Every structure is written in structure tokens, then in C-alpha cells.
Amino acid sequence: LLERAKALDPNNDLYRLMLARLSFQLSETE
């Protein structure tokens, strides 16, 4: 869902943050 939101509003930093935070939760990469 967040990737769909970011595709619609690609420069929205809140969506960037939520995606990065969730991706970190799933993979814990640098």
C-alpha cells in the first residue's frame, strides 16, 4: 500500500520514511 501511495506522490518524504522504516523492520539492513 505504501509503495502505491509513493507512486502517486513520489516526492512525499513521509511516504519515503514510512517505507524505509517498514523495510528496516523486515530486513534490518544498512
ModelCIF file with pLDDT and N, C-alpha, C, O atoms, coordinates in Angstrom:
data_MODEL
#
_entry.id   MODEL 
#
_entity.id                         1 
_entity.type                       polymer 
_entity.pdbx_number_of_molecules   1 
#
_entity_poly.entity_id                      1 
_entity_poly.type                           'polypeptide(L)' 
_entity_poly.nstd_linkage                   no 
_entity_poly.nstd_monomer                   no 
_entity_poly.pdbx_seq_one_letter_code       LLERAKALDPNNDLYRLMLARLSFQLSETE 
_entity_poly.pdbx_seq_one_letter_code_can   LLERAKALDPNNDLYRLMLARLSFQLSETE 
_entity_poly.pdbx_strand_id                 A 
#
loop_
_entity_poly_seq.entity_id 
_entity_poly_seq.num 
_entity_poly_seq.mon_id 
_entity_poly_seq.hetero 
1 1  LEU n 
1 2  LEU n 
1 3  GLU n 
1 4  ARG n 
1 5  ALA n 
1 6  LYS n 
1 7  ALA n 
1 8  LEU n 
1 9  ASP n 
1 10 PRO n 
1 11 ASN n 
1 12 ASN n 
1 13 ASP n 
1 14 LEU n 
1 15 TYR n 
1 16 ARG n 
1 17 LEU n 
1 18 MET n 
1 19 LEU n 
1 20 ALA n 
1 21 ARG n 
1 22 LEU n 
1 23 SER n 
1 24 PHE n 
1 25 GLN n 
1 26 LEU n 
1 27 SER n 
1 28 GLU n 
1 29 THR n 
1 30 GLU n 
#
_struct_asym.id          A 
_struct_asym.entity_id   1 
#
loop_
_ma_qa_metric.id 
_ma_qa_metric.mode 
_ma_qa_metric.name 
_ma_qa_metric.software_group_id 
_ma_qa_metric.type 
1 global pLDDT . pLDDT 
2 local  pLDDT . pLDDT 
#
_ma_qa_metric_global.metric_id      1 
_ma_qa_metric_global.metric_value   88.80 
_ma_qa_metric_global.model_id       1 
_ma_qa_metric_global.ordinal_id     1 
#
loop_
_ma_qa_metric_local.label_asym_id 
_ma_qa_metric_local.label_comp_id 
_ma_qa_metric_local.label_seq_id 
_ma_qa_metric_local.metric_id 
_ma_qa_metric_local.metric_value 
_ma_qa_metric_local.model_id 
_ma_qa_metric_local.ordinal_id 
A LEU 1  2 95.00 1 1  
A LEU 2  2 95.00 1 2  
A GLU 3  2 95.00 1 3  
A ARG 4  2 94.00 1 4  
A ALA 5  2 94.00 1 5  
A LYS 6  2 92.00 1 6  
A ALA 7  2 90.00 1 7  
A LEU 8  2 90.00 1 8  
A ASP 9  2 90.00 1 9  
A PRO 10 2 88.00 1 10 
A ASN 11 2 86.00 1 11 
A ASN 12 2 89.00 1 12 
A ASP 13 2 90.00 1 13 
A LEU 14 2 90.00 1 14 
A TYR 15 2 92.00 1 15 
A ARG 16 2 92.00 1 16 
A LEU 17 2 92.00 1 17 
A MET 18 2 92.00 1 18 
A LEU 19 2 93.00 1 19 
A ALA 20 2 92.00 1 20 
A ARG 21 2 89.00 1 21 
A LEU 22 2 90.00 1 22 
A SER 23 2 88.00 1 23 
A PHE 24 2 86.00 1 24 
A GLN 25 2 81.00 1 25 
A LEU 26 2 81.00 1 26 
A SER 27 2 78.00 1 27 
A GLU 28 2 75.00 1 28 
A THR 29 2 80.00 1 29 
A GLU 30 2 85.00 1 30 
#
loop_
_atom_site.group_PDB 
_atom_site.id 
_atom_site.type_symbol 
_atom_site.label_atom_id 
_atom_site.label_alt_id 
_atom_site.label_comp_id 
_atom_site.label_asym_id 
_atom_site.label_entity_id 
_atom_site.label_seq_id 
_atom_site.pdbx_PDB_ins_code 
_atom_site.Cartn_x 
_atom_site.Cartn_y 
_atom_site.Cartn_z 
_atom_site.occupancy 
_atom_site.B_iso_or_equiv 
_atom_site.pdbx_formal_charge 
_atom_site.auth_seq_id 
_atom_site.auth_comp_id 
_atom_site.auth_asym_id 
_atom_site.auth_atom_id 
_atom_site.pdbx_PDB_model_num 
ATOM 1   N N  . LEU A 1 1  ? 0.827  -1.215 0.000  1.00 95.00 ? 1  LEU A N  1 
ATOM 2   C CA . LEU A 1 1  ? 0.000  0.000  0.000  1.00 95.00 ? 1  LEU A CA 1 
ATOM 3   C C  . LEU A 1 1  ? 0.858  1.260  0.000  1.00 95.00 ? 1  LEU A C  1 
ATOM 4   O O  . LEU A 1 1  ? 0.567  2.216  -0.719 1.00 95.00 ? 1  LEU A O  1 
ATOM 5   N N  . LEU A 1 2  ? 1.913  1.258  0.807  1.00 95.00 ? 2  LEU A N  1 
ATOM 6   C CA . LEU A 1 2  ? 2.771  2.437  0.893  1.00 95.00 ? 2  LEU A CA 1 
ATOM 7   C C  . LEU A 1 2  ? 3.524  2.664  -0.416 1.00 95.00 ? 2  LEU A C  1 
ATOM 8   O O  . LEU A 1 2  ? 3.772  3.808  -0.799 1.00 95.00 ? 2  LEU A O  1 
ATOM 9   N N  . GLU A 1 3  ? 3.883  1.595  -1.093 1.00 95.00 ? 3  GLU A N  1 
ATOM 10  C CA . GLU A 1 3  ? 4.525  1.743  -2.402 1.00 95.00 ? 3  GLU A CA 1 
ATOM 11  C C  . GLU A 1 3  ? 3.554  2.330  -3.416 1.00 95.00 ? 3  GLU A C  1 
ATOM 12  O O  . GLU A 1 3  ? 3.952  3.127  -4.265 1.00 95.00 ? 3  GLU A O  1 
ATOM 13  N N  . ARG A 1 4  ? 2.283  1.944  -3.337 1.00 94.00 ? 4  ARG A N  1 
ATOM 14  C CA . ARG A 1 4  ? 1.265  2.548  -4.209 1.00 94.00 ? 4  ARG A CA 1 
ATOM 15  C C  . ARG A 1 4  ? 1.103  4.028  -3.901 1.00 94.00 ? 4  ARG A C  1 
ATOM 16  O O  . ARG A 1 4  ? 0.984  4.849  -4.810 1.00 94.00 ? 4  ARG A O  1 
ATOM 17  N N  . ALA A 1 5  ? 1.098  4.366  -2.617 1.00 94.00 ? 5  ALA A N  1 
ATOM 18  C CA . ALA A 1 5  ? 0.964  5.776  -2.233 1.00 94.00 ? 5  ALA A CA 1 
ATOM 19  C C  . ALA A 1 5  ? 2.149  6.581  -2.746 1.00 94.00 ? 5  ALA A C  1 
ATOM 20  O O  . ALA A 1 5  ? 1.972  7.683  -3.264 1.00 94.00 ? 5  ALA A O  1 
ATOM 21  N N  . LYS A 1 6  ? 3.346  6.043  -2.608 1.00 92.00 ? 6  LYS A N  1 
ATOM 22  C CA . LYS A 1 6  ? 4.536  6.760  -3.055 1.00 92.00 ? 6  LYS A CA 1 
ATOM 23  C C  . LYS A 1 6  ? 4.562  6.900  -4.582 1.00 92.00 ? 6  LYS A C  1 
ATOM 24  O O  . LYS A 1 6  ? 5.057  7.900  -5.102 1.00 92.00 ? 6  LYS A O  1 
ATOM 25  N N  . ALA A 1 7  ? 4.032  5.904  -5.302 1.00 90.00 ? 7  ALA A N  1 
ATOM 26  C CA . ALA A 1 7  ? 3.967  6.012  -6.758 1.00 90.00 ? 7  ALA A CA 1 
ATOM 27  C C  . ALA A 1 7  ? 3.064  7.172  -7.173 1.00 90.00 ? 7  ALA A C  1 
ATOM 28  O O  . ALA A 1 7  ? 3.311  7.829  -8.185 1.00 90.00 ? 7  ALA A O  1 
ATOM 29  N N  . LEU A 1 8  ? 2.016  7.418  -6.386 1.00 90.00 ? 8  LEU A N  1 
ATOM 30  C CA . LEU A 1 8  ? 1.100  8.519  -6.678 1.00 90.00 ? 8  LEU A CA 1 
ATOM 31  C C  . LEU A 1 8  ? 1.649  9.872  -6.230 1.00 90.00 ? 8  LEU A C  1 
ATOM 32  O O  . LEU A 1 8  ? 1.313  10.906 -6.806 1.00 90.00 ? 8  LEU A O  1 
ATOM 33  N N  . ASP A 1 9  ? 2.488  9.858  -5.208 1.00 90.00 ? 9  ASP A N  1 
ATOM 34  C CA . ASP A 1 9  ? 3.065  11.108 -4.693 1.00 90.00 ? 9  ASP A CA 1 
ATOM 35  C C  . ASP A 1 9  ? 4.559  10.860 -4.451 1.00 90.00 ? 9  ASP A C  1 
ATOM 36  O O  . ASP A 1 9  ? 4.994  10.762 -3.304 1.00 90.00 ? 9  ASP A O  1 
ATOM 37  N N  . PRO A 1 10 ? 5.340  10.758 -5.528 1.00 88.00 ? 10 PRO A N  1 
ATOM 38  C CA . PRO A 1 10 ? 6.700  10.207 -5.429 1.00 88.00 ? 10 PRO A CA 1 
ATOM 39  C C  . PRO A 1 10 ? 7.683  11.040 -4.621 1.00 88.00 ? 10 PRO A C  1 
ATOM 40  O O  . PRO A 1 10 ? 8.688  10.502 -4.157 1.00 88.00 ? 10 PRO A O  1 
ATOM 41  N N  . ASN A 1 11 ? 7.433  12.330 -4.434 1.00 86.00 ? 11 ASN A N  1 
ATOM 42  C CA . ASN A 1 11 ? 8.363  13.166 -3.673 1.00 86.00 ? 11 ASN A CA 1 
ATOM 43  C C  . ASN A 1 11 ? 7.902  13.411 -2.242 1.00 86.00 ? 11 ASN A C  1 
ATOM 44  O O  . ASN A 1 11 ? 8.422  14.300 -1.567 1.00 86.00 ? 11 ASN A O  1 
ATOM 45  N N  . ASN A 1 12 ? 6.938  12.637 -1.776 1.00 89.00 ? 12 ASN A N  1 
ATOM 46  C CA . ASN A 1 12 ? 6.414  12.811 -0.426 1.00 89.00 ? 12 ASN A CA 1 
ATOM 47  C C  . ASN A 1 12 ? 7.358  12.132 0.568  1.00 89.00 ? 12 ASN A C  1 
ATOM 48  O O  . ASN A 1 12 ? 7.458  10.905 0.596  1.00 89.00 ? 12 ASN A O  1 
ATOM 49  N N  . ASP A 1 13 ? 8.042  12.927 1.375  1.00 90.00 ? 13 ASP A N  1 
ATOM 50  C CA . ASP A 1 13 ? 9.051  12.386 2.282  1.00 90.00 ? 13 ASP A CA 1 
ATOM 51  C C  . ASP A 1 13 ? 8.448  11.544 3.395  1.00 90.00 ? 13 ASP A C  1 
ATOM 52  O O  . ASP A 1 13 ? 9.118  10.656 3.923  1.00 90.00 ? 13 ASP A O  1 
ATOM 53  N N  . LEU A 1 14 ? 7.195  11.803 3.763  1.00 90.00 ? 14 LEU A N  1 
ATOM 54  C CA . LEU A 1 14 ? 6.555  10.973 4.780  1.00 90.00 ? 14 LEU A CA 1 
ATOM 55  C C  . LEU A 1 14 ? 6.426  9.544  4.273  1.00 90.00 ? 14 LEU A C  1 
ATOM 56  O O  . LEU A 1 14 ? 6.673  8.596  5.019  1.00 90.00 ? 14 LEU A O  1 
ATOM 57  N N  . TYR A 1 15 ? 6.039  9.381  3.002  1.00 92.00 ? 15 TYR A N  1 
ATOM 58  C CA . TYR A 1 15 ? 5.931  8.041  2.440  1.00 92.00 ? 15 TYR A CA 1 
ATOM 59  C C  . TYR A 1 15 ? 7.310  7.378  2.351  1.00 92.00 ? 15 TYR A C  1 
ATOM 60  O O  . TYR A 1 15 ? 7.451  6.183  2.607  1.00 92.00 ? 15 TYR A O  1 
ATOM 61  N N  . ARG A 1 16 ? 8.319  8.165  1.987  1.00 92.00 ? 16 ARG A N  1 
ATOM 62  C CA . ARG A 1 16 ? 9.698  7.650  1.971  1.00 92.00 ? 16 ARG A CA 1 
ATOM 63  C C  . ARG A 1 16 ? 10.080 7.113  3.344  1.00 92.00 ? 16 ARG A C  1 
ATOM 64  O O  . ARG A 1 16 ? 10.639 6.023  3.460  1.00 92.00 ? 16 ARG A O  1 
ATOM 65  N N  . LEU A 1 17 ? 9.776  7.887  4.382  1.00 92.00 ? 17 LEU A N  1 
ATOM 66  C CA . LEU A 1 17 ? 10.140 7.492  5.738  1.00 92.00 ? 17 LEU A CA 1 
ATOM 67  C C  . LEU A 1 17 ? 9.406  6.230  6.159  1.00 92.00 ? 17 LEU A C  1 
ATOM 68  O O  . LEU A 1 17 ? 10.017 5.312  6.708  1.00 92.00 ? 17 LEU A O  1 
ATOM 69  N N  . MET A 1 18 ? 8.101  6.172  5.909  1.00 92.00 ? 18 MET A N  1 
ATOM 70  C CA . MET A 1 18 ? 7.328  5.003  6.315  1.00 92.00 ? 18 MET A CA 1 
ATOM 71  C C  . MET A 1 18 ? 7.806  3.749  5.592  1.00 92.00 ? 18 MET A C  1 
ATOM 72  O O  . MET A 1 18 ? 7.885  2.676  6.192  1.00 92.00 ? 18 MET A O  1 
ATOM 73  N N  . LEU A 1 19 ? 8.124  3.881  4.309  1.00 93.00 ? 19 LEU A N  1 
ATOM 74  C CA . LEU A 1 19 ? 8.633  2.735  3.550  1.00 93.00 ? 19 LEU A CA 1 
ATOM 75  C C  . LEU A 1 19 ? 9.980  2.282  4.085  1.00 93.00 ? 19 LEU A C  1 
ATOM 76  O O  . LEU A 1 19 ? 10.206 1.085  4.267  1.00 93.00 ? 19 LEU A O  1 
ATOM 77  N N  . ALA A 1 20 ? 10.878 3.228  4.340  1.00 92.00 ? 20 ALA A N  1 
ATOM 78  C CA . ALA A 1 20 ? 12.207 2.869  4.837  1.00 92.00 ? 20 ALA A CA 1 
ATOM 79  C C  . ALA A 1 20 ? 12.125 2.243  6.222  1.00 92.00 ? 20 ALA A C  1 
ATOM 80  O O  . ALA A 1 20 ? 12.824 1.273  6.516  1.00 92.00 ? 20 ALA A O  1 
ATOM 81  N N  . ARG A 1 21 ? 11.266 2.801  7.072  1.00 89.00 ? 21 ARG A N  1 
ATOM 82  C CA . ARG A 1 21 ? 11.129 2.256  8.432  1.00 89.00 ? 21 ARG A CA 1 
ATOM 83  C C  . ARG A 1 21 ? 10.575 0.835  8.405  1.00 89.00 ? 21 ARG A C  1 
ATOM 84  O O  . ARG A 1 21 ? 11.048 -0.043 9.126  1.00 89.00 ? 21 ARG A O  1 
ATOM 85  N N  . LEU A 1 22 ? 9.560  0.623  7.560  1.00 90.00 ? 22 LEU A N  1 
ATOM 86  C CA . LEU A 1 22 ? 8.970  -0.706 7.471  1.00 90.00 ? 22 LEU A CA 1 
ATOM 87  C C  . LEU A 1 22 ? 9.945  -1.688 6.829  1.00 90.00 ? 22 LEU A C  1 
ATOM 88  O O  . LEU A 1 22 ? 10.031 -2.839 7.256  1.00 90.00 ? 22 LEU A O  1 
ATOM 89  N N  . SER A 1 23 ? 10.674 -1.252 5.820  1.00 88.00 ? 23 SER A N  1 
ATOM 90  C CA . SER A 1 23 ? 11.668 -2.119 5.191  1.00 88.00 ? 23 SER A CA 1 
ATOM 91  C C  . SER A 1 23 ? 12.755 -2.497 6.188  1.00 88.00 ? 23 SER A C  1 
ATOM 92  O O  . SER A 1 23 ? 13.236 -3.630 6.188  1.00 88.00 ? 23 SER A O  1 
ATOM 93  N N  . PHE A 1 24 ? 13.142 -1.544 7.043  1.00 86.00 ? 24 PHE A N  1 
ATOM 94  C CA . PHE A 1 24 ? 14.142 -1.844 8.069  1.00 86.00 ? 24 PHE A CA 1 
ATOM 95  C C  . PHE A 1 24 ? 13.611 -2.874 9.050  1.00 86.00 ? 24 PHE A C  1 
ATOM 96  O O  . PHE A 1 24 ? 14.339 -3.772 9.474  1.00 86.00 ? 24 PHE A O  1 
ATOM 97  N N  . GLN A 1 25 ? 12.336 -2.741 9.410  1.00 81.00 ? 25 GLN A N  1 
ATOM 98  C CA . GLN A 1 25 ? 11.726 -3.716 10.317 1.00 81.00 ? 25 GLN A CA 1 
ATOM 99  C C  . GLN A 1 25 ? 11.774 -5.122 9.732  1.00 81.00 ? 25 GLN A C  1 
ATOM 100 O O  . GLN A 1 25 ? 11.952 -6.100 10.458 1.00 81.00 ? 25 GLN A O  1 
ATOM 101 N N  . LEU A 1 26 ? 11.612 -5.217 8.402  1.00 81.00 ? 26 LEU A N  1 
ATOM 102 C CA . LEU A 1 26 ? 11.576 -6.521 7.755  1.00 81.00 ? 26 LEU A CA 1 
ATOM 103 C C  . LEU A 1 26 ? 12.960 -7.086 7.468  1.00 81.00 ? 26 LEU A C  1 
ATOM 104 O O  . LEU A 1 26 ? 13.160 -8.299 7.530  1.00 81.00 ? 26 LEU A O  1 
ATOM 105 N N  . SER A 1 27 ? 13.927 -6.208 7.152  1.00 78.00 ? 27 SER A N  1 
ATOM 106 C CA . SER A 1 27 ? 15.226 -6.722 6.706  1.00 78.00 ? 27 SER A CA 1 
ATOM 107 C C  . SER A 1 27 ? 16.416 -6.267 7.535  1.00 78.00 ? 27 SER A C  1 
ATOM 108 O O  . SER A 1 27 ? 17.458 -6.923 7.530  1.00 78.00 ? 27 SER A O  1 
ATOM 109 N N  . GLU A 1 28 ? 16.276 -5.137 8.257  1.00 75.00 ? 28 GLU A N  1 
ATOM 110 C CA . GLU A 1 28 ? 17.328 -4.628 9.144  1.00 75.00 ? 28 GLU A CA 1 
ATOM 111 C C  . GLU A 1 28 ? 18.653 -4.422 8.416  1.00 75.00 ? 28 GLU A C  1 
ATOM 112 O O  . GLU A 1 28 ? 19.698 -4.843 8.913  1.00 75.00 ? 28 GLU A O  1 
ATOM 113 N N  . THR A 1 29 ? 18.627 -3.789 7.258  1.00 80.00 ? 29 THR A N  1 
ATOM 114 C CA . THR A 1 29 ? 19.853 -3.541 6.512  1.00 80.00 ? 29 THR A CA 1 
ATOM 115 C C  . THR A 1 29 ? 20.287 -2.093 6.669  1.00 80.00 ? 29 THR A C  1 
ATOM 116 O O  . THR A 1 29 ? 19.489 -1.227 7.030  1.00 80.00 ? 29 THR A O  1 
ATOM 117 N N  . GLU A 1 30 ? 21.569 -1.839 6.393  1.00 85.00 ? 30 GLU A N  1 
ATOM 118 C CA . GLU A 1 30 ? 22.124 -0.502 6.493  1.00 85.00 ? 30 GLU A CA 1 
ATOM 119 C C  . GLU A 1 30 ? 21.534 0.445  5.455  1.00 85.00 ? 30 GLU A C  1 
ATOM 120 O O  . GLU A 1 30 ? 21.902 1.618  5.409  1.00 85.00 ? 30 GLU A O  1 
#
